[in-house]
Amino acid sequence: MKDRLRALWCDHLSILRGKYLPNHKIQDGNTRFCRSTFGVHYDKDLLDAPGAMMKQGLPDMELRWDEADIRDSWESATQIVIGDLYDQDGAPLELCGRQALKRAIAAWQARGLTPMIGIELECYALMANEIGRLVPYDAPGGVVYGTGPFSDPLRFTDDIWERADNLGFNVDMITAEYDSPQFEFTLTFDEALKQMDDIVLFRQMAREVALEHGLVLTFMPKPIAEAGGSGMHVNFSFRDQDGRNALDNGPVGGPENMNDLARGCIAGLMHHHKGLSGLVAPTTNSYQRLQPGTLSGYWRNWGGDHRNVTTRISSEGGAKSRLEHRMADATANPYTAVAAVLQASLLGVENSYALGPMETGDGFDRTDATDGTAVDLKRAMNDLEADQTLGDAVGRLLVDNHIYMKRKEVIKTRDLEGDGLRDFYVHFV
């Protein structure tokens, strides 16, 4: 078989959708999809969501890509690319998460700053038992920061690393997380759009490579009720026009050495805390993870080297100065989630929101913060709808579509629990 092209885009449910195309498409190109895919739910229900045009003839949208963005794939005789979506009039499609991220990047670049992003992805490996039910991957020697065969007897993570190296992904770290069989994957800090393209493709590669080993790798926030949650931590900084880290306020990091830019970003994240949760933690399962005392980003609080706050200030200074937002999980469209974090931060800078005091509690037995996220998806959508400022910044039509689809999800999942709730999501995210 001649090389073919796998052209992809990330949808409102964080699912990568695409087509295999013939090799003459391995250049600047385009292909069409049905726009009403933005009204399709996990259970394949067709819904008349805002912008999906389900009852206006289910028209086309166009995926466009640049040849420079095409790369080798982990599949044989295949190259791969992520593109941008455009509407039937040739305008950037407002529903497209990648376009939302581009808007957020452009807004920061108008201030002379380029967002730099580092993502930490957490996930669980599951396997089928003798009757075909998914159960945790059998890694009984797994420990937090575990490496080697006791944490991964099938060594599927070695296969992921080797393929990542061959494909040019800059892997920063792979390790076992707190609960077995939980793993964390981190790529090296990079410019926002490149980092998110890499993360979205790496996540898909990891899931498909794991499947070759008989495993279902899921980035659900809480696939195993009795185990810890999985997040998608967003680390970020900004490169100024001289190539310096704009958060750099000296060789030592931490809250006592923050500059005004960092304070403004944190103030924005605190001000829009409740609205943000609906975009970055967007499933029923997300609110099983977002709970007090679970290192998950529940509380409206911030601090230094403290894993029980939502916005954490790195103790590393200088060129490594950065902020970490710990609320998101990977059931969110990663482009949309990072766009939301960047837009909330920018609103804090532009509007000079007041920044309250730093968290001094331990986050387990004592917490200064008294305000957290919603306790379920229904209330999170109410909070997102109420935060018109954040919704307008991220993209009004995208957010309206999101709220509509997630309110339908509340109804679809209200009677599900345990394996039933897990199985609603597990093969998609």
Protein backbone atom coordinates (compact mmCIF):
# COMPACT_ATOMS: atom_id res chain seq x y z
CA MET A 1 0.00 0.00 0.00
CA LYS A 2 1.23 3.47 -0.85
CA ASP A 3 1.47 6.00 1.93
CA ARG A 4 -1.91 7.44 2.85
CA LEU A 5 -2.88 10.47 4.94
CA ARG A 6 -4.88 10.30 8.16
CA ALA A 7 -6.45 13.76 8.50
CA LEU A 8 -7.82 14.47 11.99
CA TRP A 9 -9.60 17.03 14.17
CA CYS A 10 -10.61 16.97 17.85
CA ASP A 11 -14.33 17.31 18.50
CA HIS A 12 -16.50 18.68 21.33
CA LEU A 13 -16.30 15.32 23.18
CA SER A 14 -12.48 15.16 23.01
CA ILE A 15 -12.72 12.45 20.35
CA LEU A 16 -10.34 12.54 17.40
CA ARG A 17 -12.32 12.21 14.19
CA GLY A 18 -10.93 12.00 10.68
CA LYS A 19 -10.48 10.20 7.39
CA TYR A 20 -7.87 8.12 5.61
CA LEU A 21 -7.07 9.82 2.30
CA PRO A 22 -4.97 8.79 -0.74
CA ASN A 23 -1.32 9.76 -1.00
CA HIS A 24 -1.89 12.69 -3.38
CA LYS A 25 -3.43 14.45 -0.37
CA ILE A 26 -0.02 14.49 1.38
CA GLN A 27 0.41 18.21 0.69
CA ASP A 28 -1.50 21.38 1.53
CA GLY A 29 -5.03 20.15 1.40
CA ASN A 30 -8.59 19.92 2.60
CA THR A 31 -11.47 17.52 2.98
CA ARG A 32 -15.08 17.85 4.09
CA PHE A 33 -17.05 16.51 7.04
CA CYS A 34 -20.62 16.92 8.19
CA ARG A 35 -20.84 19.95 10.48
CA SER A 36 -23.60 18.24 12.45
CA THR A 37 -20.98 15.94 13.97
CA PHE A 38 -20.98 18.69 16.62
CA GLY A 39 -24.46 17.45 17.54
CA VAL A 40 -23.43 13.80 17.96
CA HIS A 41 -23.12 12.48 21.52
CA TYR A 42 -21.09 9.61 22.96
CA ASP A 43 -24.07 7.27 22.49
CA LYS A 44 -24.39 8.45 18.85
CA ASP A 45 -27.60 10.34 19.59
CA LEU A 46 -28.18 13.17 17.07
CA LEU A 47 -28.99 16.45 18.83
CA ASP A 48 -29.95 19.89 17.52
CA ALA A 49 -27.15 21.62 19.42
CA PRO A 50 -26.32 25.30 18.80
CA GLY A 51 -24.18 25.64 15.69
CA ALA A 52 -24.51 21.98 14.66
CA MET A 53 -27.16 22.83 12.04
CA MET A 54 -28.78 19.44 12.56
CA LYS A 55 -32.12 20.74 11.28
CA GLN A 56 -30.68 23.00 8.60
CA GLY A 57 -29.71 20.19 6.23
CA LEU A 58 -26.62 18.86 8.07
CA PRO A 59 -24.27 20.92 5.85
CA ASP A 60 -20.57 20.48 5.25
CA MET A 61 -17.63 21.96 7.07
CA GLU A 62 -14.09 21.86 5.73
CA LEU A 63 -10.91 20.60 7.36
CA ARG A 64 -7.78 22.36 6.09
CA TRP A 65 -4.15 21.56 6.81
CA ASP A 66 -0.68 22.70 5.82
CA GLU A 67 1.82 20.28 4.34
CA ALA A 68 4.38 21.48 6.91
CA ASP A 69 2.20 20.01 9.67
CA ILE A 70 2.05 16.51 8.17
CA ARG A 71 4.15 13.99 10.09
CA ASP A 72 4.86 10.28 10.17
CA SER A 73 2.32 8.13 11.98
CA TRP A 74 2.63 5.13 14.27
CA GLU A 75 0.61 3.19 11.65
CA SER A 76 2.49 1.69 8.72
CA ALA A 77 2.32 3.41 5.33
CA THR A 78 0.48 6.31 6.92
CA GLN A 79 1.18 9.96 7.54
CA ILE A 80 -0.93 12.04 9.87
CA VAL A 81 -2.04 15.64 10.31
CA ILE A 82 -4.35 17.74 12.50
CA GLY A 83 -6.15 20.58 10.78
CA ASP A 84 -8.50 23.50 11.38
CA LEU A 85 -12.22 23.53 10.64
CA TYR A 86 -13.96 26.14 8.48
CA ASP A 87 -17.65 26.74 7.84
CA GLN A 88 -19.48 26.59 4.52
CA ASP A 89 -18.56 30.23 3.81
CA GLY A 90 -14.84 29.64 4.39
CA ALA A 91 -14.72 31.36 7.78
CA PRO A 92 -13.00 29.73 10.79
CA LEU A 93 -15.58 27.46 12.43
CA GLU A 94 -16.45 28.85 15.85
CA LEU A 95 -17.13 25.35 17.17
CA CYS A 96 -13.52 24.24 16.54
CA GLY A 97 -11.43 23.93 19.72
CA ARG A 98 -8.17 24.35 17.79
CA GLN A 99 -9.48 27.64 16.40
CA ALA A 100 -10.43 28.70 19.96
CA LEU A 101 -6.86 28.04 21.06
CA LYS A 102 -5.52 30.06 18.12
CA ARG A 103 -7.72 32.98 19.20
CA ALA A 104 -6.37 32.75 22.75
CA ILE A 105 -2.78 32.65 21.50
CA ALA A 106 -3.41 35.67 19.25
CA ALA A 107 -4.91 37.63 22.16
CA TRP A 108 -1.74 37.09 24.21
CA GLN A 109 0.52 37.77 21.24
CA ALA A 110 -1.21 41.15 20.84
CA ARG A 111 0.38 41.93 24.21
CA GLY A 112 3.79 40.84 22.94
CA LEU A 113 3.67 37.48 24.73
CA THR A 114 3.64 33.94 23.33
CA PRO A 115 2.02 31.27 25.55
CA MET A 116 4.23 28.29 26.37
CA ILE A 117 2.50 25.13 27.57
CA GLY A 118 3.42 21.89 29.29
CA ILE A 119 0.76 19.21 29.82
CA GLU A 120 0.76 16.38 32.34
CA LEU A 121 -1.55 13.55 31.24
CA GLU A 122 -2.72 10.95 33.75
CA CYS A 123 -4.54 7.76 32.77
CA TYR A 124 -5.46 4.21 33.75
CA ALA A 125 -4.82 0.94 31.92
CA LEU A 126 -7.67 -1.58 31.87
CA MET A 127 -7.89 -5.09 30.48
CA ALA A 128 -10.67 -7.58 29.75
CA ASN A 129 -11.21 -10.41 32.23
CA GLU A 130 -12.28 -13.96 31.35
CA ILE A 131 -15.88 -12.86 30.68
CA GLY A 132 -14.90 -9.75 28.72
CA ARG A 133 -15.50 -7.16 31.46
CA LEU A 134 -12.94 -4.38 31.85
CA VAL A 135 -10.89 -4.61 35.01
CA PRO A 136 -7.67 -2.87 36.12
CA TYR A 137 -4.51 -3.98 34.31
CA ASP A 138 -2.76 -6.49 36.53
CA ALA A 139 0.32 -4.64 37.79
CA PRO A 140 0.37 -5.61 41.50
CA GLY A 141 3.84 -4.18 42.10
CA GLY A 142 2.94 -0.74 40.83
CA VAL A 143 3.81 2.17 43.12
CA VAL A 144 3.84 5.94 42.77
CA TYR A 145 6.89 6.89 40.67
CA GLY A 146 7.14 3.23 39.74
CA THR A 147 9.25 2.14 36.77
CA GLY A 148 10.06 -1.22 35.25
CA PRO A 149 8.18 -4.52 34.99
CA PHE A 150 6.51 -4.46 38.42
CA SER A 151 4.61 -1.33 37.37
CA ASP A 152 4.14 -2.43 33.75
CA PRO A 153 4.55 -6.20 33.24
CA LEU A 154 3.64 -6.02 29.53
CA ARG A 155 6.04 -3.09 29.04
CA PHE A 156 3.50 -1.28 26.87
CA THR A 157 4.86 2.05 28.09
CA ASP A 158 8.27 1.12 26.62
CA ASP A 159 6.54 0.62 23.27
CA ILE A 160 4.86 4.02 23.60
CA TRP A 161 8.21 5.69 24.38
CA GLU A 162 9.98 4.01 21.45
CA ARG A 163 7.27 5.03 19.00
CA ALA A 164 7.22 8.56 20.43
CA ASP A 165 10.98 8.85 19.87
CA ASN A 166 10.70 7.57 16.32
CA LEU A 167 7.93 10.08 15.57
CA GLY A 168 9.63 13.14 17.06
CA PHE A 169 7.52 13.58 20.19
CA ASN A 170 9.69 15.10 22.92
CA VAL A 171 8.83 12.88 25.88
CA ASP A 172 9.79 14.52 29.15
CA MET A 173 8.70 11.75 31.49
CA ILE A 174 6.74 8.50 31.82
CA THR A 175 6.05 7.05 35.26
CA ALA A 176 3.52 5.06 37.24
CA GLU A 177 1.18 7.27 39.28
CA TYR A 178 -0.18 6.85 42.80
CA ASP A 179 -2.76 4.13 42.14
CA SER A 180 -1.91 1.01 40.17
CA PRO A 181 -2.42 0.74 37.21
CA GLN A 182 -2.26 4.53 36.74
CA PHE A 183 0.36 6.22 34.57
CA GLU A 184 1.51 9.73 33.75
CA PHE A 185 2.89 10.99 30.45
CA THR A 186 4.51 14.41 30.04
CA LEU A 187 5.91 16.08 26.93
CA THR A 188 8.52 18.85 26.95
CA PHE A 189 7.29 22.46 27.29
CA ASP A 190 6.62 24.10 23.91
CA GLU A 191 4.64 26.81 22.15
CA ALA A 192 0.95 26.38 22.87
CA LEU A 193 -0.34 25.19 19.49
CA LYS A 194 2.54 22.78 18.87
CA GLN A 195 2.27 21.40 22.40
CA MET A 196 -1.44 20.75 22.05
CA ASP A 197 -1.11 19.16 18.61
CA ASP A 198 1.58 16.91 20.07
CA ILE A 199 -0.50 16.08 23.16
CA VAL A 200 -3.62 15.23 21.16
CA LEU A 201 -1.68 12.99 18.78
CA PHE A 202 0.43 11.46 21.56
CA ARG A 203 -2.72 10.63 23.55
CA GLN A 204 -4.24 8.89 20.52
CA MET A 205 -1.01 7.04 19.81
CA ALA A 206 -0.77 5.88 23.44
CA ARG A 207 -4.34 4.56 23.37
CA GLU A 208 -3.81 2.73 20.08
CA VAL A 209 -0.45 1.25 21.08
CA ALA A 210 -1.93 0.07 24.40
CA LEU A 211 -4.76 -1.59 22.48
CA GLU A 212 -2.16 -3.58 20.51
CA HIS A 213 -1.10 -4.98 23.91
CA GLY A 214 -4.68 -5.88 24.82
CA LEU A 215 -5.19 -2.84 27.06
CA VAL A 216 -7.74 -0.04 27.09
CA LEU A 217 -5.89 3.11 28.12
CA THR A 218 -8.40 5.64 29.41
CA PHE A 219 -7.89 9.28 30.31
CA MET A 220 -11.22 9.38 32.15
CA PRO A 221 -10.92 11.36 35.41
CA LYS A 222 -12.26 8.53 37.60
CA PRO A 223 -12.59 5.16 35.84
CA ILE A 224 -12.04 3.18 39.06
CA ALA A 225 -14.28 4.47 41.84
CA GLU A 226 -12.07 3.37 44.73
CA ALA A 227 -8.84 4.71 43.16
CA GLY A 228 -7.52 8.23 42.70
CA GLY A 229 -8.43 10.54 39.86
CA SER A 230 -6.61 11.38 36.63
CA GLY A 231 -6.05 14.99 35.65
CA MET A 232 -4.65 16.97 32.75
CA HIS A 233 -2.53 19.61 34.48
CA VAL A 234 -1.88 22.74 32.43
CA ASN A 235 1.55 24.29 33.10
CA PHE A 236 2.11 27.61 31.39
CA SER A 237 4.39 30.59 31.02
CA PHE A 238 4.96 33.26 28.36
CA ARG A 239 7.88 34.07 26.08
CA ASP A 240 8.39 37.78 25.51
CA GLN A 241 9.65 39.43 22.33
CA ASP A 242 13.25 39.08 23.50
CA GLY A 243 12.83 35.34 23.97
CA ARG A 244 12.78 35.54 27.79
CA ASN A 245 10.28 33.92 30.14
CA ALA A 246 7.94 36.78 31.07
CA LEU A 247 7.14 35.14 34.43
CA ASP A 248 10.85 35.19 35.36
CA ASN A 249 11.27 37.44 38.38
CA GLY A 250 14.64 36.13 39.50
CA PRO A 251 16.43 32.83 40.03
CA VAL A 252 14.10 31.67 42.81
CA GLY A 253 10.44 30.94 42.14
CA GLY A 254 7.48 30.67 44.49
CA PRO A 255 4.72 33.09 45.57
CA GLU A 256 7.05 35.57 47.26
CA ASN A 257 8.83 36.19 43.96
CA MET A 258 5.84 36.53 41.62
CA ASN A 259 5.68 39.44 39.21
CA ASP A 260 2.55 41.39 38.23
CA LEU A 261 1.91 39.19 35.20
CA ALA A 262 1.74 36.06 37.36
CA ARG A 263 -0.53 37.79 39.89
CA GLY A 264 -2.88 38.89 37.14
CA CYS A 265 -3.07 35.39 35.65
CA ILE A 266 -3.82 33.81 39.02
CA ALA A 267 -6.43 36.45 39.80
CA GLY A 268 -8.17 35.63 36.52
CA LEU A 269 -8.13 31.91 37.24
CA MET A 270 -9.57 32.53 40.71
CA HIS A 271 -12.25 34.94 39.44
CA HIS A 272 -13.44 32.49 36.75
CA HIS A 273 -12.89 29.33 38.83
CA LYS A 274 -16.48 28.08 38.71
CA GLY A 275 -17.05 28.86 35.06
CA LEU A 276 -13.79 27.21 34.09
CA SER A 277 -14.77 23.87 35.59
CA GLY A 278 -17.57 23.42 33.06
CA LEU A 279 -15.08 23.64 30.19
CA VAL A 280 -12.05 21.82 31.60
CA ALA A 281 -13.89 19.14 33.64
CA PRO A 282 -16.82 18.50 31.31
CA THR A 283 -18.27 15.05 32.11
CA THR A 284 -20.39 13.53 34.84
CA ASN A 285 -17.37 11.44 35.75
CA SER A 286 -15.27 14.62 36.21
CA TYR A 287 -17.14 15.47 39.40
CA GLN A 288 -16.24 12.16 40.99
CA ARG A 289 -12.65 13.39 40.74
CA LEU A 290 -13.27 17.05 41.64
CA GLN A 291 -13.71 16.69 45.38
CA PRO A 292 -12.12 18.42 48.41
CA GLY A 293 -8.84 16.95 49.61
CA THR A 294 -8.10 15.01 46.41
CA LEU A 295 -5.35 17.16 44.83
CA SER A 296 -7.75 17.82 41.98
CA GLY A 297 -8.41 21.55 41.63
CA TYR A 298 -11.72 21.63 43.50
CA TRP A 299 -11.05 24.69 45.68
CA ARG A 300 -10.83 28.29 44.52
CA ASN A 301 -7.31 28.72 45.90
CA TRP A 302 -3.69 29.19 44.95
CA GLY A 303 -0.30 28.71 46.55
CA GLY A 304 3.32 27.78 46.15
CA ASP A 305 4.72 24.27 45.95
CA HIS A 306 1.43 22.84 47.22
CA ARG A 307 -0.39 20.04 45.40
CA ASN A 308 -3.67 20.68 47.22
CA VAL A 309 -4.27 24.06 45.59
CA THR A 310 -5.82 24.62 42.19
CA THR A 311 -3.21 27.07 40.86
CA ARG A 312 0.30 26.15 41.92
CA ILE A 313 3.32 28.41 41.54
CA SER A 314 6.46 26.51 40.70
CA SER A 315 9.37 26.82 43.11
CA GLU A 316 11.64 26.84 40.06
CA GLY A 317 12.56 30.36 39.00
CA GLY A 318 14.39 31.95 36.12
CA ALA A 319 13.70 30.45 32.71
CA LYS A 320 11.65 27.65 34.33
CA SER A 321 9.18 29.97 36.09
CA ARG A 322 5.64 28.77 35.45
CA LEU A 323 2.12 28.41 36.79
CA GLU A 324 0.25 25.12 37.03
CA HIS A 325 -3.54 24.86 36.81
CA ARG A 326 -4.65 21.50 38.20
CA MET A 327 -8.40 21.36 37.55
CA ALA A 328 -8.66 19.97 34.00
CA ASP A 329 -9.05 16.37 32.94
CA ALA A 330 -8.62 14.88 29.47
CA THR A 331 -12.32 14.32 28.82
CA ALA A 332 -12.10 18.01 27.88
CA ASN A 333 -11.09 18.90 24.35
CA PRO A 334 -7.44 19.73 25.17
CA TYR A 335 -7.41 22.73 22.80
CA THR A 336 -10.53 24.18 24.40
CA ALA A 337 -9.27 23.50 27.93
CA VAL A 338 -5.99 25.35 27.35
CA ALA A 339 -7.81 28.15 25.52
CA ALA A 340 -10.06 28.55 28.57
CA VAL A 341 -7.13 28.67 31.00
CA LEU A 342 -5.31 31.23 28.83
CA GLN A 343 -8.42 33.38 28.36
CA ALA A 344 -9.26 33.35 32.09
CA SER A 345 -5.68 34.35 32.84
CA LEU A 346 -5.80 37.15 30.26
CA LEU A 347 -9.06 38.48 31.73
CA GLY A 348 -7.31 38.71 35.07
CA VAL A 349 -4.48 40.75 33.57
CA GLU A 350 -6.74 43.02 31.52
CA ASN A 351 -9.35 43.64 34.20
CA SER A 352 -6.97 43.92 37.18
CA TYR A 353 -9.00 41.50 39.28
CA ALA A 354 -8.11 41.55 42.98
CA LEU A 355 -6.09 38.55 44.11
CA GLY A 356 -7.06 37.16 47.50
CA PRO A 357 -4.62 35.67 49.99
CA MET A 358 -2.64 32.52 49.38
CA GLU A 359 -3.91 29.21 50.77
CA THR A 360 -2.25 28.33 54.09
CA GLY A 361 -4.13 25.13 54.93
CA ASP A 362 -2.88 21.63 54.24
CA GLY A 363 -5.86 20.87 51.99
CA PHE A 364 -6.76 17.69 53.87
CA ASP A 365 -7.76 18.66 57.40
CA ARG A 366 -7.79 22.43 57.00
CA THR A 367 -8.46 24.69 54.02
CA ASP A 368 -8.71 28.48 53.96
CA ALA A 369 -10.78 28.36 50.77
CA THR A 370 -14.52 28.18 51.28
CA ASP A 371 -15.60 28.14 47.64
CA GLY A 372 -15.12 25.24 45.25
CA THR A 373 -16.32 24.03 41.90
CA ALA A 374 -19.81 22.68 41.39
CA VAL A 375 -20.42 19.23 42.80
CA ASP A 376 -21.87 17.81 39.58
CA LEU A 377 -22.04 18.45 35.85
CA LYS A 378 -25.53 19.99 35.99
CA ARG A 379 -24.42 22.73 38.37
CA ALA A 380 -21.14 23.19 36.49
CA MET A 381 -23.10 24.02 33.35
CA ASN A 382 -25.13 26.57 35.31
CA ASP A 383 -21.88 28.17 36.50
CA LEU A 384 -20.47 28.23 32.98
CA GLU A 385 -23.66 29.76 31.59
CA ALA A 386 -23.53 32.44 34.29
CA ASP A 387 -19.92 33.37 33.43
CA GLN A 388 -20.74 35.25 30.24
CA THR A 389 -17.38 37.03 30.22
CA LEU A 390 -15.39 33.81 30.10
CA GLY A 391 -17.77 32.23 27.60
CA ASP A 392 -17.49 35.19 25.24
CA ALA A 393 -13.70 35.11 25.50
CA VAL A 394 -13.44 31.38 24.71
CA GLY A 395 -16.07 31.59 21.95
CA ARG A 396 -19.79 32.14 22.36
CA LEU A 397 -21.05 29.53 19.90
CA LEU A 398 -18.56 26.91 21.09
CA VAL A 399 -19.63 27.43 24.70
CA ASP A 400 -23.36 27.45 23.88
CA ASN A 401 -22.95 24.17 21.99
CA HIS A 402 -20.97 22.75 24.89
CA ILE A 403 -23.61 23.69 27.49
CA TYR A 404 -26.40 22.21 25.39
CA MET A 405 -24.58 18.91 24.83
CA LYS A 406 -23.51 18.59 28.45
CA ARG A 407 -27.02 19.22 29.76
CA LYS A 408 -28.14 16.34 27.56
CA GLU A 409 -25.28 14.30 29.05
CA VAL A 410 -26.60 14.97 32.55
CA ILE A 411 -29.88 13.31 31.54
CA LYS A 412 -28.16 10.45 29.73
CA THR A 413 -25.99 9.55 32.73
CA ARG A 414 -28.29 10.30 35.67
CA ASP A 415 -29.19 6.64 36.25
CA LEU A 416 -25.70 5.28 35.57
CA GLU A 417 -23.17 4.36 38.23
CA GLY A 418 -20.15 2.12 38.63
CA ASP A 419 -19.24 0.18 35.48
CA GLY A 420 -22.28 1.57 33.67
CA LEU A 421 -21.05 5.15 34.00
CA ARG A 422 -17.48 4.14 33.18
CA ASP A 423 -18.56 2.29 30.05
CA PHE A 424 -20.51 5.33 28.79
CA TYR A 425 -17.12 7.05 28.32
CA VAL A 426 -14.27 4.57 28.52
CA HIS A 427 -13.81 3.61 24.85
CA PHE A 428 -13.83 7.24 23.70
CA VAL A 429 -11.59 9.15 26.13
